PDB file of N, CA and C in Angstrom:
ATOM      1  N   ARG A   1      99.153  79.334  99.683  1.00  0.00           N
ATOM      2  CA  ARG A   1      99.252  80.898  99.985  1.00  0.00           C
ATOM      3  C   ARG A   1      99.300  81.731  98.431  1.00  0.00           C
ATOM      4  N   SER A   2      98.708  82.815  98.544  1.00  0.00           N
ATOM      5  CA  SER A   2      98.684  83.614  97.229  1.00  0.00           C
ATOM      6  C   SER A   2      98.570  85.265  97.542  1.00  0.00           C
ATOM      7  N   HIS A   3      99.001  86.103  96.631  1.00  0.00           N
ATOM      8  CA  HIS A   3      99.056  87.328  96.858  1.00  0.00           C
ATOM      9  C   HIS A   3      98.530  88.105  95.699  1.00  0.00           C
ATOM     10  N   SER A   4      97.831  89.269  95.966  1.00  0.00           N
ATOM     11  CA  SER A   4      97.057  90.207  94.817  1.00  0.00           C
ATOM     12  C   SER A   4      98.020  90.963  94.404  1.00  0.00           C
ATOM     13  N   SER A   5      97.993  90.980  92.859  1.00  0.00           N
ATOM     14  CA  SER A   5      98.768  91.768  92.113  1.00  0.00           C
ATOM     15  C   SER A   5      97.860  92.149  90.915  1.00  0.00           C
ATOM     16  N   ALA A   6      97.595  93.734  91.091  1.00  0.00           N
ATOM     17  CA  ALA A   6      96.509  94.526  90.015  1.00  0.00           C
ATOM     18  C   ALA A   6      95.127  93.635  89.977  1.00  0.00           C
ATOM     19  N   GLY A   7      94.805  93.200  91.219  1.00  0.00           N
ATOM     20  CA  GLY A   7      93.354  92.957  91.788  1.00  0.00           C
ATOM     21  C   GLY A   7      93.192  91.337  91.191  1.00  0.00           C
ATOM     22  N   GLN A   8      94.512  90.780  91.112  1.00  0.00           N
ATOM     23  CA  GLN A   8      94.180  89.015  90.668  1.00  0.00           C
ATOM     24  C   GLN A   8      94.823  88.486  91.734  1.00  0.00           C
ATOM     25  N   ASP A   9      94.493  87.466  92.182  1.00  0.00           N
ATOM     26  CA  ASP A   9      95.145  86.367  93.195  1.00  0.00           C
ATOM     27  C   ASP A   9      96.027  85.524  92.040  1.00  0.00           C
ATOM     28  N   THR A  10      97.068  85.389  92.692  1.00  0.00           N
ATOM     29  CA  THR A  10      98.094  84.433  91.973  1.00  0.00           C
ATOM     30  C   THR A  10      99.047  83.497  92.915  1.00  0.00           C
ATOM     31  N   ALA A  11      98.558  82.404  92.844  1.00  0.00           N
ATOM     32  CA  ALA A  11      99.443  81.649  93.641  1.00  0.00           C
ATOM     33  C   ALA A  11     101.003  81.612  93.811  1.00  0.00           C
ATOM     34  N   VAL A  12     101.328  81.862  94.919  1.00  0.00           N
ATOM     35  CA  VAL A  12     103.086  82.340  95.194  1.00  0.00           C
ATOM     36  C   VAL A  12     103.692  81.069  94.276  1.00  0.00           C
ATOM     37  N   GLY A  13     104.839  81.536  93.522  1.00  0.00           N
ATOM     38  CA  GLY A  13     105.557  80.419  93.032  1.00  0.00           C
ATOM     39  C   GLY A  13     104.970  79.883  91.558  1.00  0.00           C
ATOM     40  N   LEU A  14     103.822  80.259  91.328  1.00  0.00           N
ATOM     41  CA  LEU A  14     103.258  80.089  89.960  1.00  0.00           C
ATOM     42  C   LEU A  14     103.340  80.981  88.714  1.00  0.00           C
ATOM     43  N   GLU A  15     103.757  82.150  89.042  1.00  0.00           N
ATOM     44  CA  GLU A  15     104.104  83.273  88.131  1.00  0.00           C
ATOM     45  C   GLU A  15     104.809  82.811  86.714  1.00  0.00           C
ATOM     46  N   ASP A  16     105.913  81.727  86.963  1.00  0.00           N
ATOM     47  CA  ASP A  16     106.359  81.391  86.105  1.00  0.00           C
ATOM     48  C   ASP A  16     105.749  80.508  85.052  1.00  0.00           C
ATOM     49  N   VAL A  17     105.152  79.736  85.757  1.00  0.00           N
ATOM     50  CA  VAL A  17     104.033  78.716  85.140  1.00  0.00           C
ATOM     51  C   VAL A  17     103.124  79.279  84.209  1.00  0.00           C
ATOM     52  N   LEU A  18     102.500  80.484  84.773  1.00  0.00           N
ATOM     53  CA  LEU A  18     101.664  81.109  84.330  1.00  0.00           C
ATOM     54  C   LEU A  18     102.370  81.721  82.825  1.00  0.00           C
ATOM     55  N   VAL A  19     103.377  82.569  82.833  1.00  0.00           N
ATOM     56  CA  VAL A  19     103.840  83.037  81.793  1.00  0.00           C
ATOM     57  C   VAL A  19     104.197  81.875  80.715  1.00  0.00           C
ATOM     58  N   GLU A  20     104.639  80.719  81.176  1.00  0.00           N
ATOM     59  CA  GLU A  20     104.825  79.647  80.173  1.00  0.00           C
ATOM     60  C   GLU A  20     103.631  79.268  79.798  1.00  0.00           C
ATOM     61  N   VAL A  21     102.694  78.903  80.266  1.00  0.00           N
ATOM     62  CA  VAL A  21     101.627  78.407  79.532  1.00  0.00           C
ATOM     63  C   VAL A  21     100.664  79.674  78.588  1.00  0.00           C
ATOM     64  N   ILE A  22     100.659  80.878  79.124  1.00  0.00           N
ATOM     65  CA  ILE A  22     100.273  81.594  78.189  1.00  0.00           C
ATOM     66  C   ILE A  22     101.033  81.893  76.741  1.00  0.00           C
ATOM     67  N   ASP A  23     102.426  81.736  77.061  1.00  0.00           N
ATOM     68  CA  ASP A  23     103.370  81.844  75.890  1.00  0.00           C
ATOM     69  C   ASP A  23     103.100  80.465  75.082  1.00  0.00           C
ATOM     70  N   LYS A  24     102.840  79.332  75.497  1.00  0.00           N
ATOM     71  CA  LYS A  24     102.146  78.286  74.702  1.00  0.00           C
ATOM     72  C   LYS A  24     101.080  78.696  74.198  1.00  0.00           C
ATOM     73  N   LEU A  25      99.877  79.023  74.846  1.00  0.00           N
ATOM     74  CA  LEU A  25      98.705  79.244  74.255  1.00  0.00           C
ATOM     75  C   LEU A  25      98.846  80.233  72.894  1.00  0.00           C
ATOM     76  N   THR A  26      99.570  81.057  72.944  1.00  0.00           N
ATOM     77  CA  THR A  26      99.579  82.353  72.257  1.00  0.00           C
ATOM     78  C   THR A  26     100.680  82.381  71.264  1.00  0.00           C
ATOM     79  N   GLY A  27     101.638  81.331  71.286  1.00  0.00           N
ATOM     80  CA  GLY A  27     102.834  81.441  70.365  1.00  0.00           C
ATOM     81  C   GLY A  27     102.347  80.885  68.950  1.00  0.00           C
ATOM     82  N   HIS A  28     103.356  80.993  68.162  1.00  0.00           N
ATOM     83  CA  HIS A  28     103.044  80.712  66.701  1.00  0.00           C
ATOM     84  C   HIS A  28     103.376  79.186  66.333  1.00  0.00           C
ATOM     85  N   GLN A  29     102.927  78.593  67.066  1.00  0.00           N
ATOM     86  CA  GLN A  29     103.049  76.805  66.633  1.00  0.00           C
ATOM     87  C   GLN A  29     102.022  76.600  65.616  1.00  0.00           C
ATOM     88  N   SER A  30     102.386  75.800  64.732  1.00  0.00           N
ATOM     89  CA  SER A  30     101.504  75.215  63.631  1.00  0.00           C
ATOM     90  C   SER A  30     100.626  74.031  64.067  1.00  0.00           C
ATOM     91  N   ASN A  31     101.070  73.279  65.228  1.00  0.00           N
ATOM     92  CA  ASN A  31     100.179  72.052  65.549  1.00  0.00           C
ATOM     93  C   ASN A  31      99.750  72.621  66.760  1.00  0.00           C
ATOM     94  N   LEU A  32      98.534  71.752  67.082  1.00  0.00           N
ATOM     95  CA  LEU A  32      97.652  71.847  68.239  1.00  0.00           C
ATOM     96  C   LEU A  32      98.182  71.335  69.294  1.00  0.00           C
ATOM     97  N   GLN A  33      97.808  71.719  70.499  1.00  0.00           N
ATOM     98  CA  GLN A  33      98.458  70.874  71.451  1.00  0.00           C
ATOM     99  C   GLN A  33      97.558  71.108  72.825  1.00  0.00           C
ATOM    100  N   ASN A  34      97.521  69.962  73.571  1.00  0.00           N
ATOM    101  CA  ASN A  34      96.705  70.064  74.825  1.00  0.00           C
ATOM    102  C   ASN A  34      97.695  70.552  75.805  1.00  0.00           C
ATOM    103  N   ILE A  35      97.145  71.408  76.956  1.00  0.00           N
ATOM    104  CA  ILE A  35      97.829  71.562  78.227  1.00  0.00           C
ATOM    105  C   ILE A  35      96.930  71.402  79.285  1.00  0.00           C
ATOM    106  N   LEU A  36      97.800  70.123  79.917  1.00  0.00           N
ATOM    107  CA  LEU A  36      97.080  69.757  81.199  1.00  0.00           C
ATOM    108  C   LEU A  36      97.665  70.575  82.659  1.00  0.00           C
ATOM    109  N   ILE A  37      96.618  71.169  83.431  1.00  0.00           N
ATOM    110  CA  ILE A  37      96.802  71.440  84.805  1.00  0.00           C
ATOM    111  C   ILE A  37      96.504  70.312  85.698  1.00  0.00           C
ATOM    112  N   VAL A  38      97.625  69.557  86.086  1.00  0.00           N
ATOM    113  CA  VAL A  38      97.129  68.425  87.035  1.00  0.00           C
ATOM    114  C   VAL A  38      97.983  68.353  88.694  1.00  0.00           C
ATOM    115  N   GLY A  39      97.323  67.969  89.567  1.00  0.00           N
ATOM    116  CA  GLY A  39      98.122  67.837  90.757  1.00  0.00           C
ATOM    117  C   GLY A  39      97.191  67.455  91.941  1.00  0.00           C
ATOM    118  N   MET A  40      97.949  67.590  93.163  1.00  0.00           N
ATOM    119  CA  MET A  40      97.136  67.359  94.171  1.00  0.00           C
ATOM    120  C   MET A  40      96.444  68.473  94.557  1.00  0.00           C
ATOM    121  N   GLY A  41      95.453  68.296  95.495  1.00  0.00           N
ATOM    122  CA  GLY A  41      94.567  69.418  95.780  1.00  0.00           C
ATOM    123  C   GLY A  41      95.293  70.584  96.680  1.00  0.00           C
ATOM    124  N   GLY A  42      95.006  71.778  96.522  1.00  0.00           N
ATOM    125  CA  GLY A  42      95.690  72.740  97.160  1.00  0.00           C
ATOM    126  C   GLY A  42      96.921  73.150  96.864  1.00  0.00           C
ATOM    127  N   PHE A  43      97.112  73.184  95.505  1.00  0.00           N
ATOM    128  CA  PHE A  43      98.567  73.377  94.936  1.00  0.00           C
ATOM    129  C   PHE A  43      98.269  74.572  93.788  1.00  0.00           C
ATOM    130  N   GLY A  44      96.997  75.270  93.766  1.00  0.00           N
ATOM    131  CA  GLY A  44      96.808  76.472  93.174  1.00  0.00           C
ATOM    132  C   GLY A  44      96.356  76.081  91.795  1.00  0.00           C
ATOM    133  N   LYS A  45      96.061  74.779  91.365  1.00  0.00           N
ATOM    134  CA  LYS A  45      95.627  74.429  89.797  1.00  0.00           C
ATOM    135  C   LYS A  45      94.515  75.431  89.335  1.00  0.00           C
ATOM    136  N   THR A  46      93.348  75.799  89.951  1.00  0.00           N
ATOM    137  CA  THR A  46      92.188  76.319  89.981  1.00  0.00           C
ATOM    138  C   THR A  46      92.395  77.848  89.828  1.00  0.00           C
ATOM    139  N   THR A  47      93.364  78.508  90.696  1.00  0.00           N
ATOM    140  CA  THR A  47      94.102  79.695  90.765  1.00  0.00           C
ATOM    141  C   THR A  47      94.709  79.992  89.186  1.00  0.00           C
ATOM    142  N   LEU A  48      95.604  79.007  89.255  1.00  0.00           N
ATOM    143  CA  LEU A  48      96.224  79.293  87.809  1.00  0.00           C
ATOM    144  C   LEU A  48      95.362  79.250  86.465  1.00  0.00           C
ATOM    145  N   ALA A  49      94.660  78.382  86.571  1.00  0.00           N
ATOM    146  CA  ALA A  49      93.766  78.332  85.500  1.00  0.00           C
ATOM    147  C   ALA A  49      92.820  79.774  85.262  1.00  0.00           C
ATOM    148  N   ILE A  50      92.496  80.116  86.179  1.00  0.00           N
ATOM    149  CA  ILE A  50      91.712  81.342  86.214  1.00  0.00           C
ATOM    150  C   ILE A  50      92.582  82.594  85.700  1.00  0.00           C
ATOM    151  N   ASN A  51      93.761  82.508  86.425  1.00  0.00           N
ATOM    152  CA  ASN A  51      94.616  83.558  85.854  1.00  0.00           C
ATOM    153  C   ASN A  51      94.869  83.692  84.608  1.00  0.00           C
ATOM    154  N   ILE A  52      94.984  82.306  84.034  1.00  0.00           N
ATOM    155  CA  ILE A  52      95.193  82.283  82.696  1.00  0.00           C
ATOM    156  C   ILE A  52      93.940  82.845  81.845  1.00  0.00           C
ATOM    157  N   TYR A  53      92.757  82.231  82.210  1.00  0.00           N
ATOM    158  CA  TYR A  53      91.676  82.446  81.652  1.00  0.00           C
ATOM    159  C   TYR A  53      91.456  84.230  81.554  1.00  0.00           C
ATOM    160  N   ILE A  54      91.634  84.762  82.520  1.00  0.00           N
ATOM    161  CA  ILE A  54      91.398  86.001  82.649  1.00  0.00           C
ATOM    162  C   ILE A  54      92.461  87.131  82.077  1.00  0.00           C
ATOM    163  N   ASN A  55      93.559  86.466  81.792  1.00  0.00           N
ATOM    164  CA  ASN A  55      94.372  87.398  81.484  1.00  0.00           C
ATOM    165  C   ASN A  55      94.459  88.152  80.190  1.00  0.00           C
ATOM    166  N   PRO A  56      94.646  89.213  80.360  1.00  0.00           N
ATOM    167  CA  PRO A  56      94.526  90.149  78.912  1.00  0.00           C
ATOM    168  C   PRO A  56      95.064  89.724  77.700  1.00  0.00           C
ATOM    169  N   VAL A  57      95.941  89.201  77.842  1.00  0.00           N
ATOM    170  CA  VAL A  57      96.835  88.482  76.741  1.00  0.00           C
ATOM    171  C   VAL A  57      95.755  87.440  75.830  1.00  0.00           C
ATOM    172  N   ILE A  58      95.228  86.647  76.657  1.00  0.00           N
ATOM    173  CA  ILE A  58      94.543  85.511  76.573  1.00  0.00           C
ATOM    174  C   ILE A  58      93.187  86.150  75.921  1.00  0.00           C
ATOM    175  N   VAL A  59      92.515  87.034  76.610  1.00  0.00           N
ATOM    176  CA  VAL A  59      91.378  87.467  76.121  1.00  0.00           C
ATOM    177  C   VAL A  59      91.286  88.255  74.872  1.00  0.00           C
ATOM    178  N   GLN A  60      92.772  88.907  74.628  1.00  0.00           N
ATOM    179  CA  GLN A  60      92.841  89.608  73.345  1.00  0.00           C
ATOM    180  C   GLN A  60      92.947  88.591  71.912  1.00  0.00           C
ATOM    181  N   HIS A  61      93.717  87.457  72.450  1.00  0.00           N
ATOM    182  CA  HIS A  61      94.419  86.455  71.613  1.00  0.00           C
ATOM    183  C   HIS A  61      93.207  85.603  70.958  1.00  0.00           C
ATOM    184  N   PHE A  62      92.396  85.413  71.867  1.00  0.00           N
ATOM    185  CA  PHE A  62      91.108  84.255  71.635  1.00  0.00           C
ATOM    186  C   PHE A  62      90.007  85.004  71.170  1.00  0.00           C
ATOM    187  N   ASP A  63      89.117  84.541  70.263  1.00  0.00           N
ATOM    188  CA  ASP A  63      87.933  85.311  69.982  1.00  0.00           C
ATOM    189  C   ASP A  63      86.625  84.793  70.854  1.00  0.00           C
ATOM    190  N   PHE A  64      87.104  83.299  71.315  1.00  0.00           N
ATOM    191  CA  PHE A  64      86.095  82.807  72.158  1.00  0.00           C
ATOM    192  C   PHE A  64      86.946  81.906  73.362  1.00  0.00           C
ATOM    193  N   ARG A  65      86.167  82.045  74.512  1.00  0.00           N
ATOM    194  CA  ARG A  65      87.081  81.253  75.236  1.00  0.00           C
ATOM    195  C   ARG A  65      85.968  80.737  76.262  1.00  0.00           C
ATOM    196  N   GLY A  66      86.077  79.389  76.877  1.00  0.00           N
ATOM    197  CA  GLY A  66      85.215  78.480  77.767  1.00  0.00           C
ATOM    198  C   GLY A  66      85.700  78.258  78.706  1.00  0.00           C
ATOM    199  N   TRP A  67      84.812  77.900  79.837  1.00  0.00           N
ATOM    200  CA  TRP A  67      85.484  77.639  81.258  1.00  0.00           C
ATOM    201  C   TRP A  67      84.628  76.205  81.700  1.00  0.00           C
ATOM    202  N   ALA A  68      85.214  75.205  82.051  1.00  0.00           N
ATOM    203  CA  ALA A  68      84.337  74.125  82.787  1.00  0.00           C
ATOM    204  C   ALA A  68      84.983  73.574  84.015  1.00  0.00           C
ATOM    205  N   THR A  69      84.471  73.212  84.872  1.00  0.00           N
ATOM    206  CA  THR A  69      84.863  72.763  85.952  1.00  0.00           C
ATOM    207  C   THR A  69      85.087  71.170  86.059  1.00  0.00           C
ATOM    208  N   ILE A  70      86.012  70.529  86.320  1.00  0.00           N
ATOM    209  CA  ILE A  70      86.146  69.154  86.159  1.00  0.00           C
ATOM    210  C   ILE A  70      86.406  68.303  87.326  1.00  0.00           C
ATOM    211  N   SER A  71      85.931  67.606  87.885  1.00  0.00           N
ATOM    212  CA  SER A  71      86.120  66.912  89.033  1.00  0.00           C
ATOM    213  C   SER A  71      86.722  65.418  88.623  1.00  0.00           C
ATOM    214  N   LEU A  72      86.959  64.800  89.699  1.00  0.00           N
ATOM    215  CA  LEU A  72      87.574  63.291  89.832  1.00  0.00           C
ATOM    216  C   LEU A  72      86.554  62.341  88.865  1.00  0.00           C
ATOM    217  N   GLU A  73      85.182  62.567  89.199  1.00  0.00           N
ATOM    218  CA  GLU A  73      84.170  61.881  88.367  1.00  0.00           C
ATOM    219  C   GLU A  73      83.515  62.991  87.538  1.00  0.00           C
ATOM    220  N   TYR A  74      83.495  62.512  86.273  1.00  0.00           N
ATOM    221  CA  TYR A  74      82.686  63.629  85.173  1.00  0.00           C
ATOM    222  C   TYR A  74      82.203  62.983  84.462  1.00  0.00           C
ATOM    223  N   ASN A  75      81.292  63.736  83.579  1.00  0.00           N
ATOM    224  CA  ASN A  75      80.808  63.127  82.070  1.00  0.00           C
ATOM    225  C   ASN A  75      81.314  63.954  81.043  1.00  0.00           C
ATOM    226  N   SER A  76      81.823  63.433  80.039  1.00  0.00           N
ATOM    227  CA  SER A  76      82.217  64.066  79.057  1.00  0.00           C
ATOM    228  C   SER A  76      81.409  64.980  78.261  1.00  0.00           C
ATOM    229  N   LYS A  77      80.038  64.522  78.142  1.00  0.00           N
ATOM    230  CA  LYS A  77      79.238  65.260  77.267  1.00  0.00           C
ATOM    231  C   LYS A  77      78.719  66.444  78.172  1.00  0.00           C
ATOM    232  N   GLU A  78      78.353  66.346  79.584  1.00  0.00           N
ATOM    233  CA  GLU A  78      78.351  67.428  80.273  1.00  0.00           C
ATOM    234  C   GLU A  78      79.073  68.696  80.445  1.00  0.00           C
ATOM    235  N   ILE A  79      80.553  68.114  80.291  1.00  0.00           N
ATOM    236  CA  ILE A  79      81.551  68.963  80.126  1.00  0.00           C
ATOM    237  C   ILE A  79      81.561  69.555  78.700  1.00  0.00           C
ATOM    238  N   LEU A  80      81.410  69.043  77.779  1.00  0.00           N
ATOM    239  CA  LEU A  80      81.437  69.720  76.446  1.00  0.00           C
ATOM    240  C   LEU A  80      80.039  70.740  76.275  1.00  0.00           C
ATOM    241  N   LEU A  81      79.018  70.282  77.063  1.00  0.00           N
ATOM    242  CA  LEU A  81      77.715  71.104  76.809  1.00  0.00           C
ATOM    243  C   LEU A  81      77.980  72.514  77.680  1.00  0.00           C
ATOM    244  N   GLU A  82      78.592  72.089  78.675  1.00  0.00           N
ATOM    245  CA  GLU A  82      79.079  73.449  79.684  1.00  0.00           C
ATOM    246  C   GLU A  82      79.780  74.302  79.053  1.00  0.00           C
ATOM    247  N   VAL A  83      80.735  73.845  78.313  1.00  0.00           N
ATOM    248  CA  VAL A  83      81.901  74.745  77.594  1.00  0.00           C
ATOM    249  C   VAL A  83      81.166  75.385  76.414  1.00  0.00           C
ATOM    250  N   LEU A  84      80.195  74.749  75.371  1.00  0.00           N
ATOM    251  CA  LEU A  84      79.524  75.293  74.684  1.00  0.00           C
ATOM    252  C   LEU A  84      78.492  76.304  74.860  1.00  0.00           C
ATOM    253  N   LEU A  85      77.837  75.944  76.210  1.00  0.00           N
ATOM    254  CA  LEU A  85      76.852  77.251  76.492  1.00  0.00           C
ATOM    255  C   LEU A  85      77.701  78.218  77.311  1.00  0.00           C
ATOM    256  N   CYS A  86      78.855  77.972  77.418  1.00  0.00           N
ATOM    257  CA  CYS A  86      79.729  79.128  77.878  1.00  0.00           C
ATOM    258  C   CYS A  86      79.989  80.209  76.752  1.00  0.00           C
ATOM    259  N   LEU A  87      80.304  79.519  76.049  1.00  0.00           N
ATOM    260  CA  LEU A  87      80.880  80.259  74.526  1.00  0.00           C
ATOM    261  C   LEU A  87      79.799  80.756  73.843  1.00  0.00           C
ATOM    262  N   LYS A  88      78.491  80.157  73.898  1.00  0.00           N
ATOM    263  CA  LYS A  88      77.294  80.595  73.223  1.00  0.00           C
ATOM    264  C   LYS A  88      76.798  82.121  74.325  1.00  0.00           C
ATOM    265  N   ASN A  89      76.990  81.915  75.283  1.00  0.00           N
ATOM    266  CA  ASN A  89      76.615  83.259  76.327  1.00  0.00           C
ATOM    267  C   ASN A  89      77.290  84.183  76.316  1.00  0.00           C
ATOM    268  N   ASN A  90      78.505  83.922  75.974  1.00  0.00           N
ATOM    269  CA  ASN A  90      79.699  84.858  75.830  1.00  0.00           C
ATOM    270  C   ASN A  90      80.234  85.562  74.600  1.00  0.00           C
ATOM    271  N   ARG A  91      79.318  85.192  73.594  1.00  0.00           N
ATOM    272  CA  ARG A  91      79.783  85.197  72.175  1.00  0.00           C
ATOM    273  C   ARG A  91      79.938  86.676  71.857  1.00  0.00           C
ATOM    274  N   GLY A  92      81.236  87.096  71.533  1.00  0.00           N
ATOM    275  CA  GLY A  92      81.475  88.631  71.374  1.00  0.00           C
ATOM    276  C   GLY A  92      81.514  89.652  72.349  1.00  0.00           C
ATOM    277  N   ALA A  93      81.260  88.951  73.935  1.00  0.00           N
ATOM    278  CA  ALA A  93      81.258  89.958  74.999  1.00  0.00           C
ATOM    279  C   ALA A  93      82.580  90.016  75.402  1.00  0.00           C
ATOM    280  N   GLU A  94      83.574  89.455  74.940  1.00  0.00           N
ATOM    281  CA  GLU A  94      84.916  89.688  75.467  1.00  0.00           C
ATOM    282  C   GLU A  94      85.569  90.579  74.652  1.00  0.00           C
ATOM    283  N   LYS A  95      85.399  90.742  73.251  1.00  0.00           N
ATOM    284  CA  LYS A  95      86.011  91.804  72.665  1.00  0.00           C
ATOM    285  C   LYS A  95      85.373  93.236  72.484  1.00  0.00           C
ATOM    286  N   ALA A  96      83.841  93.213  72.883  1.00  0.00           N
ATOM    287  CA  ALA A  96      82.965  94.369  73.091  1.00  0.00           C
ATOM    288  C   ALA A  96      83.481  95.402  74.024  1.00  0.00           C
TER     289      ALA A  96
END
């Protein structure tokens, strides 16, 4: 189940997680970290990831952003190429 707020669909119950992940991504930590979104199908992982990706705080904070969809069976090289292509195609578009 989801609801719309300011034109964005956010899975009900994921608002706190959304804020927590955005804080981790934009915080002033000196060490890099991976943030994984995992779980069973239908629990809102993609909705959460999209809402993080398009969040104005994230858009403003990062000069470049990339998106890749990863399924159970994946090819690491193809994922990297997909992200790099996304970065190339959107170079500077986010800040313009």
